[in-house]
Protein backbone atom coordinates (compact mmCIF):
# COMPACT_ATOMS: atom_id res chain seq x y z
CA ASP A 1 -4.72 -9.23 -11.10
CA PRO A 2 -3.84 -11.45 -8.10
CA THR A 3 -6.80 -13.73 -8.87
CA ASP A 4 -5.64 -14.26 -12.49
CA ASN A 5 -1.97 -13.96 -13.42
CA ALA A 6 -2.87 -13.55 -17.11
CA ARG A 7 -4.84 -10.35 -16.46
CA MET A 8 -3.11 -6.96 -16.02
CA TYR A 9 -4.42 -3.49 -15.21
CA LEU A 10 -2.33 -0.65 -16.57
CA PRO A 11 -2.65 3.07 -15.75
CA ARG A 12 -1.96 5.54 -18.55
CA PHE A 13 -2.29 9.18 -17.44
CA GLY A 14 -5.89 9.20 -16.12
CA GLN A 15 -6.96 6.05 -17.94
CA VAL A 16 -7.07 2.42 -16.80
CA TRP A 17 -6.44 -0.26 -19.42
CA ARG A 18 -6.89 -4.03 -19.09
CA ASN A 19 -5.26 -6.96 -20.83
CA ASN A 20 -7.02 -10.28 -20.28
CA ASN A 21 -4.14 -12.42 -21.51
CA ILE A 22 -0.83 -10.66 -20.99
CA GLU A 23 1.01 -13.93 -21.56
CA LEU A 24 0.13 -13.75 -25.27
CA ALA A 25 1.37 -10.18 -25.70
CA GLY A 26 4.91 -11.17 -26.72
CA SER A 27 6.57 -8.35 -28.62
CA ALA A 28 3.21 -6.93 -29.72
CA VAL A 29 2.78 -4.95 -26.51
CA ARG A 30 -0.11 -2.93 -27.95
CA ASP A 31 -2.31 -5.98 -28.58
CA ASN A 32 -5.27 -7.09 -26.46
CA TRP A 33 -5.56 -3.89 -24.41
CA THR A 34 -8.99 -2.45 -23.59
CA GLN A 35 -9.48 0.98 -22.05
CA ILE A 36 -12.01 0.52 -19.23
CA SER A 37 -12.10 3.98 -17.61
CA ASP A 38 -10.92 7.56 -17.98
CA GLU A 39 -11.38 10.02 -15.12
CA GLY A 40 -8.57 12.41 -16.03
CA GLY A 41 -5.66 13.43 -13.84
CA THR A 42 -2.57 11.26 -13.47
CA ILE A 43 -2.81 7.81 -11.84
CA THR A 44 0.12 7.16 -9.50
CA ALA A 45 -1.02 4.01 -7.63
CA ILE A 46 -3.24 1.06 -8.54
CA SER A 47 -4.12 -2.18 -6.77
CA ALA A 48 -6.48 -5.11 -7.43
CA SER A 49 -8.24 -7.20 -4.80
CA GLU A 50 -7.37 -10.82 -4.01
CA SER A 51 -10.58 -11.61 -2.15
CA GLU A 52 -13.13 -10.17 -4.59
CA GLN A 53 -12.24 -10.36 -8.24
CA GLY A 54 -12.65 -7.17 -10.24
CA VAL A 55 -12.37 -4.71 -7.36
CA VAL A 56 -9.64 -2.24 -8.27
CA TYR A 57 -8.59 0.92 -6.43
CA TYR A 58 -6.42 3.64 -7.90
CA GLY A 59 -5.07 6.96 -6.65
CA THR A 60 -3.90 10.07 -8.44
CA SER A 61 -1.19 12.71 -8.16
CA SER A 62 -3.77 15.08 -6.65
CA GLY A 63 -4.76 12.68 -3.85
CA ARG A 64 -8.04 11.45 -5.30
CA ILE A 65 -8.86 7.74 -4.77
CA TYR A 66 -11.29 5.77 -6.91
CA ARG A 67 -12.84 2.32 -6.65
CA MET A 68 -13.91 0.21 -9.64
CA ASP A 69 -16.11 -2.89 -9.44
CA ASN A 70 -16.29 -5.58 -12.11
CA ALA A 71 -13.08 -4.20 -13.64
CA HIS A 72 -12.19 -7.75 -14.77
CA THR A 73 -15.18 -8.02 -17.14
CA SER A 74 -16.62 -4.60 -17.87
CA SER A 75 -15.47 -2.58 -20.87
CA ASN A 76 -16.77 0.72 -19.52
CA VAL A 77 -16.34 1.12 -15.76
CA THR A 78 -17.52 4.24 -13.93
CA PRO A 79 -15.05 4.68 -11.04
CA GLN A 80 -16.48 5.77 -7.69
CA LEU A 81 -14.64 8.56 -5.88
CA VAL A 82 -13.94 7.27 -2.34
CA ILE A 83 -12.17 9.94 -0.30
CA ASP A 84 -14.75 10.86 2.37
CA GLY A 85 -12.89 11.80 5.53
CA ILE A 86 -9.44 12.16 3.97
CA THR A 87 -8.02 15.62 4.63
CA SER A 88 -4.66 15.08 2.95
CA SER A 89 -3.94 15.91 -0.64
CA GLY A 90 -1.10 15.31 -3.04
CA TYR A 91 0.72 12.35 -4.50
CA THR A 92 -0.84 8.92 -3.83
CA SER A 93 2.09 6.53 -3.66
CA SER A 94 0.53 3.23 -2.53
CA LEU A 95 -2.79 1.45 -2.02
CA ALA A 96 -2.70 -1.77 0.02
CA ILE A 97 -5.83 -3.94 -0.11
CA ASP A 98 -6.42 -6.50 2.65
CA PRO A 99 -5.92 -9.92 0.96
CA GLU A 100 -9.08 -11.18 2.68
CA ASN A 101 -11.32 -8.10 2.50
CA ALA A 102 -11.73 -5.92 -0.58
CA ASP A 103 -13.36 -3.16 1.51
CA ARG A 104 -10.33 -2.75 3.78
CA VAL A 105 -7.61 -0.59 2.25
CA ILE A 106 -4.61 1.46 3.41
CA ALA A 107 -3.84 4.58 1.36
CA VAL A 108 -0.42 6.23 1.44
CA PHE A 109 0.24 9.86 0.51
CA SER A 110 3.96 10.40 0.06
CA ASN A 111 4.90 13.82 1.34
CA TYR A 112 6.11 15.66 4.43
CA ASN A 113 3.88 17.75 6.71
CA ILE A 114 0.67 15.94 5.77
CA ILE A 115 -1.27 13.03 7.25
CA SER A 116 0.31 10.29 5.14
CA LEU A 117 -1.48 7.12 6.20
CA TRP A 118 -5.22 6.36 6.09
CA LEU A 119 -7.37 3.23 6.58
CA THR A 120 -10.86 2.42 5.33
CA GLU A 121 -12.81 -0.65 6.37
CA ASP A 122 -15.95 0.06 4.35
CA GLY A 123 -14.72 0.40 0.80
CA GLY A 124 -13.81 4.08 1.07
CA GLN A 125 -16.98 5.45 2.63
CA ASN A 126 -14.97 6.48 5.71
CA TRP A 127 -11.23 6.88 6.32
CA THR A 128 -9.26 7.02 9.57
CA PRO A 129 -5.67 8.32 10.01
CA ILE A 130 -3.32 5.59 11.30
CA GLU A 131 0.12 7.26 11.37
CA GLY A 132 0.32 6.88 15.15
CA ASN A 133 3.84 7.40 16.46
CA LEU A 134 5.18 8.05 12.94
CA LYS A 135 3.57 11.48 12.78
CA GLY A 136 6.49 12.79 14.82
CA ASN A 137 6.54 15.89 16.98
CA PRO A 138 4.73 19.04 15.83
CA ASP A 139 6.73 22.18 15.20
CA PRO A 140 6.63 24.75 18.04
CA GLY A 141 3.69 27.10 17.84
CA VAL A 142 1.74 24.99 15.33
CA PRO A 143 -2.04 25.07 15.97
CA GLU A 144 -3.49 21.83 17.29
CA ILE A 145 -5.44 21.30 14.09
CA LEU A 146 -2.13 21.24 12.17
CA TYR A 147 -0.48 18.72 14.49
CA PHE A 148 0.94 16.81 11.50
CA ILE A 149 3.30 19.67 10.58
CA GLY A 150 6.55 18.61 12.20
CA ASP A 151 9.43 16.16 12.04
CA GLY A 152 7.56 12.99 11.02
CA PRO A 153 8.95 10.91 8.14
CA SER A 154 7.55 10.63 4.63
CA ILE A 155 5.71 7.32 4.11
CA ARG A 156 6.11 5.71 0.68
CA TRP A 157 4.52 2.24 0.70
CA ALA A 158 2.23 -0.09 2.69
CA GLU A 159 1.86 -3.87 2.54
CA ILE A 160 -0.77 -5.89 4.44
CA ILE A 161 0.45 -9.42 5.26
CA LYS A 162 -1.98 -11.97 6.67
CA VAL A 163 -0.53 -14.42 9.18
CA ASP A 164 -3.79 -16.31 9.67
CA ALA A 165 -7.50 -15.50 9.96
CA GLU A 166 -6.97 -13.43 13.09
CA ASN A 167 -3.45 -12.03 12.78
CA GLU A 168 -1.67 -9.73 10.37
CA VAL A 169 1.47 -7.64 9.96
CA VAL A 170 1.47 -4.29 8.16
CA LEU A 171 4.80 -3.17 6.70
CA LEU A 172 5.59 0.42 5.77
CA GLY A 173 8.35 1.78 3.56
CA THR A 174 9.35 5.25 4.76
CA SER A 175 12.02 7.89 4.31
CA VAL A 176 13.76 6.49 7.41
CA GLY A 177 13.56 2.74 6.85
CA VAL A 178 10.93 0.02 7.15
CA PHE A 179 8.39 -0.19 9.98
CA SER A 180 5.78 -2.71 11.08
CA THR A 181 2.78 -3.10 13.34
CA ARG A 182 0.76 -6.10 14.49
CA GLU A 183 -2.27 -4.00 15.48
CA ILE A 184 -3.81 -0.97 13.80
CA ASN A 185 -5.36 1.27 16.44
CA ALA A 186 -6.43 4.40 14.58
CA ASP A 187 -4.11 7.33 15.31
CA SER A 188 -2.68 5.52 18.37
CA THR A 189 -1.05 2.82 16.22
CA ILE A 190 2.48 1.91 17.33
CA TRP A 191 4.96 1.33 14.50
CA LYS A 192 8.35 -0.25 15.20
CA GLN A 193 11.43 -0.26 13.00
CA GLU A 194 12.50 -3.49 11.29
CA GLY A 195 16.01 -4.30 10.05
CA ALA A 196 17.57 -1.46 12.02
CA SER A 197 21.08 -2.89 11.66
CA THR A 198 20.71 -3.93 7.99
CA VAL A 199 18.24 -1.67 6.19
CA GLY A 200 18.77 1.13 8.71
CA ASN A 201 17.39 4.57 7.93
CA VAL A 202 17.57 4.34 4.14
CA VAL A 203 14.58 5.51 2.06
CA VAL A 204 12.34 2.48 1.30
CA ASP A 205 10.22 3.25 -1.77
CA MET A 206 8.51 -0.10 -2.43
CA ILE A 207 7.74 -3.42 -0.74
CA ASP A 208 6.51 -6.68 -2.26
CA TYR A 209 5.51 -9.86 -0.46
CA ARG A 210 5.02 -13.45 -1.68
CA ALA A 211 2.64 -15.34 0.58
CA ALA A 212 3.67 -18.79 -0.69
CA ASP A 213 6.98 -18.71 1.20
CA GLY A 214 6.94 -15.45 3.18
CA TRP A 215 9.49 -13.74 0.93
CA ILE A 216 9.72 -9.94 1.24
CA VAL A 217 11.68 -7.59 -1.03
CA LEU A 218 12.36 -3.93 -0.27
CA ALA A 219 13.41 -1.45 -2.95
CA THR A 220 15.39 1.51 -1.61
CA HIS A 221 16.46 4.86 -2.97
CA GLY A 222 20.18 4.59 -3.76
CA ASN A 223 21.04 1.64 -1.52
CA GLY A 224 20.04 -1.42 -3.51
CA MET A 225 17.41 -4.00 -2.63
CA TYR A 226 16.89 -6.02 0.54
CA ALA A 227 15.20 -9.38 0.98
CA ALA A 228 13.97 -11.45 3.90
CA ASN A 229 11.86 -14.48 4.69
CA MET A 230 9.27 -13.57 7.28
CA LYS A 231 8.65 -16.41 9.71
CA PHE A 232 5.64 -16.61 12.01
CA GLU A 233 5.55 -18.64 15.18
CA THR A 234 2.60 -19.30 17.47
CA PRO A 235 3.83 -21.12 20.59
CA GLU A 236 1.35 -23.38 22.29
CA GLY A 237 -0.90 -21.43 24.64
CA ILE A 238 -0.12 -18.06 23.01
CA ALA A 239 -2.78 -16.70 20.70
CA SER A 240 -0.76 -14.09 18.84
CA ALA A 241 2.10 -14.87 16.48
CA ALA A 242 5.54 -13.27 16.59
CA GLU A 243 7.46 -12.16 13.55
CA ASN A 244 11.17 -12.72 12.92
CA VAL A 245 12.61 -10.63 10.12
CA ASP A 246 16.27 -10.88 9.10
CA PHE A 247 17.11 -8.77 6.04
CA SER A 248 20.01 -9.22 3.65
CA ILE A 249 21.11 -6.94 0.82
CA TYR A 250 21.54 -7.72 -2.86
CA PRO A 251 24.52 -6.29 -4.78
CA ASN A 252 23.82 -2.64 -5.52
């Protein structure tokens, strides 16, 4: 729980468990755990809000996404299914909650030939595809309604990074490297590759970011881990910030 480092939410098959003081667990890893929900299926992604304590989203292997409120205190939470508008199905690999808005979430479905990237700004009541230029080119002869069947990459992870109250960077881990955008514009979003000469086109499975010093770590498939310090600059007279990302690799 980003609002309380002692609290942890743990998925087990279709259940969510909570430990209110993980620091006391020691070797007795089974102690202090409370099951707070059980909706069945297999949970493959889970994320807790920074801006509103107790808001937790989780996704399943079948593409279902749930929202829980008061997950930090309740012992019996009824998750709300929040997938209205999502037409994709399959493995949910990542859920990125806006650090300043618990109702704004990016959901990632990790597969080829599907719409992999969705955004909600109302807590899951409505979702909009935001793959933009990462959806690739459709295969010849594919009907317009199946435009996503083509040569687009698989998306694995999303991370929302706040620069200030008005600016943000969204990072994506994909099957062809790491990408970023400064502005989400529905399905016209433009994603650009980061670390092209360092990370390159390697599969990026996970991303983590530490706001205190701008430290980013990328976990790849078979090519070690990369790290960078993201710096933001706002020159006088220019409203938008510019990012400067220089990745280095750890020993594999």
